[in-house]
């Protein structure tokens, strides 16, 4: 097994329950680990999973306004998992970098794991 990491990707998206979030958006940090079945020695791209294609899937999902981060991580894991039969599991974390919480400093986020 090999794990492909795409970490600390920043997107400006419009996920959230509040009207302001749908209008102004927020910055989100996405990290994903994709575990694949792999031969003993990978020497060609088709033996692995193209992380550029994975990033394109992530970008597409992050561009879709969704009220719940729980839904975002589940959709991300499912779409990535269906992308290639070599994928055995996906773990994805989405953090809202500026949550609309009074007197709060930090991030909020959701992590989801799915096996295929």
Protein backbone atom coordinates (compact mmCIF):
# COMPACT_ATOMS: atom_id res chain seq x y z
CA UNK A 1 0.00 0.00 0.00
CA UNK A 2 1.06 3.55 -0.72
CA UNK A 3 -0.53 6.71 0.63
CA UNK A 4 -0.69 9.83 -1.52
CA UNK A 5 -0.87 13.06 0.50
CA UNK A 6 -2.44 16.33 -0.62
CA UNK A 7 -2.16 18.59 2.42
CA UNK A 8 -2.83 22.21 3.37
CA UNK A 9 -4.64 23.15 0.14
CA UNK A 10 -6.41 26.51 0.55
CA UNK A 11 -9.71 27.29 -1.18
CA UNK A 12 -12.09 30.24 -0.94
CA UNK A 13 -15.52 28.63 -0.91
CA UNK A 14 -19.10 29.32 0.10
CA UNK A 15 -19.88 26.47 2.50
CA UNK A 16 -21.91 27.21 5.58
CA UNK A 17 -25.33 27.66 7.09
CA UNK A 18 -25.31 31.43 7.53
CA UNK A 19 -26.34 33.96 4.90
CA UNK A 20 -23.02 35.83 5.22
CA UNK A 21 -21.10 32.63 4.45
CA UNK A 22 -23.08 32.13 1.25
CA UNK A 23 -22.37 35.73 0.18
CA UNK A 24 -18.84 36.43 1.46
CA UNK A 25 -17.50 32.89 1.59
CA UNK A 26 -14.65 31.73 3.78
CA UNK A 27 -11.19 30.28 3.45
CA UNK A 28 -10.91 26.52 3.89
CA UNK A 29 -7.92 24.24 4.31
CA UNK A 30 -8.27 20.76 2.81
CA UNK A 31 -5.97 17.82 3.50
CA UNK A 32 -6.43 14.37 1.99
CA UNK A 33 -4.70 11.01 2.26
CA UNK A 34 -5.44 8.46 -0.45
CA UNK A 35 -4.25 4.88 0.07
CA UNK A 36 -3.80 2.77 -3.03
CA UNK A 37 -2.86 -0.77 -3.95
CA UNK A 38 0.47 -0.51 -5.70
CA UNK A 39 2.99 -2.85 -7.27
CA UNK A 40 6.36 -3.37 -5.59
CA UNK A 41 7.94 -0.70 -7.80
CA UNK A 42 6.02 2.14 -9.42
CA UNK A 43 7.68 3.25 -12.63
CA UNK A 44 4.69 4.59 -14.59
CA UNK A 45 1.89 7.02 -13.73
CA UNK A 46 -0.84 4.48 -14.54
CA UNK A 47 0.47 2.32 -11.66
CA UNK A 48 -0.35 5.11 -9.20
CA UNK A 49 -3.04 7.78 -8.98
CA UNK A 50 -2.43 11.19 -10.52
CA UNK A 51 -2.52 13.76 -7.71
CA UNK A 52 -3.20 16.51 -10.27
CA UNK A 53 -6.47 14.74 -11.13
CA UNK A 54 -7.24 14.36 -7.41
CA UNK A 55 -6.71 18.09 -6.93
CA UNK A 56 -9.13 18.80 -9.79
CA UNK A 57 -11.82 16.69 -8.07
CA UNK A 58 -11.21 18.50 -4.78
CA UNK A 59 -11.41 21.91 -6.50
CA UNK A 60 -14.70 20.91 -8.16
CA UNK A 61 -16.29 19.88 -4.85
CA UNK A 62 -14.97 22.96 -3.03
CA UNK A 63 -16.57 25.14 -5.73
CA UNK A 64 -20.03 23.69 -4.92
CA UNK A 65 -21.74 25.68 -2.14
CA UNK A 66 -22.82 23.25 0.59
CA UNK A 67 -24.39 24.05 3.99
CA UNK A 68 -22.56 21.37 6.03
CA UNK A 69 -18.85 20.56 6.15
CA UNK A 70 -19.91 17.00 7.01
CA UNK A 71 -21.47 16.76 3.55
CA UNK A 72 -18.39 18.30 1.91
CA UNK A 73 -16.00 15.70 3.36
CA UNK A 74 -18.34 12.82 2.52
CA UNK A 75 -18.74 13.98 -1.08
CA UNK A 76 -14.97 14.50 -1.42
CA UNK A 77 -14.16 11.01 -0.14
CA UNK A 78 -16.80 9.36 -2.32
CA UNK A 79 -15.86 11.16 -5.54
CA UNK A 80 -12.15 10.54 -5.06
CA UNK A 81 -12.78 6.90 -4.13
CA UNK A 82 -14.77 6.32 -7.30
CA UNK A 83 -12.09 7.96 -9.45
CA UNK A 84 -9.76 4.93 -9.63
CA UNK A 85 -10.14 1.25 -8.71
CA UNK A 86 -6.67 1.27 -7.13
CA UNK A 87 -7.94 3.56 -4.35
CA UNK A 88 -8.59 1.57 -1.17
CA UNK A 89 -9.26 4.36 1.33
CA UNK A 90 -9.60 8.12 1.59
CA UNK A 91 -9.26 10.32 4.65
CA UNK A 92 -10.14 13.97 4.20
CA UNK A 93 -10.11 16.93 6.59
CA UNK A 94 -11.72 20.29 5.83
CA UNK A 95 -11.07 23.21 8.17
CA UNK A 96 -12.96 26.49 8.10
CA UNK A 97 -10.20 29.03 8.73
CA UNK A 98 -12.38 31.94 9.86
CA UNK A 99 -15.52 30.47 11.43
CA UNK A 100 -18.32 32.93 12.23
CA UNK A 101 -18.13 32.44 16.01
CA UNK A 102 -18.00 35.47 18.29
CA UNK A 103 -14.78 35.86 20.30
CA UNK A 104 -13.27 32.72 18.76
CA UNK A 105 -9.73 32.32 17.51
CA UNK A 106 -8.85 29.12 15.71
CA UNK A 107 -10.37 26.84 13.14
CA UNK A 108 -13.24 24.38 13.05
CA UNK A 109 -13.20 21.30 10.89
CA UNK A 110 -14.37 17.82 10.03
CA UNK A 111 -12.41 14.66 9.25
CA UNK A 112 -13.96 11.71 7.41
CA UNK A 113 -12.52 8.35 6.37
CA UNK A 114 -13.96 5.89 3.87
CA UNK A 115 -12.75 2.51 2.63
CA UNK A 116 -13.45 1.09 -0.81
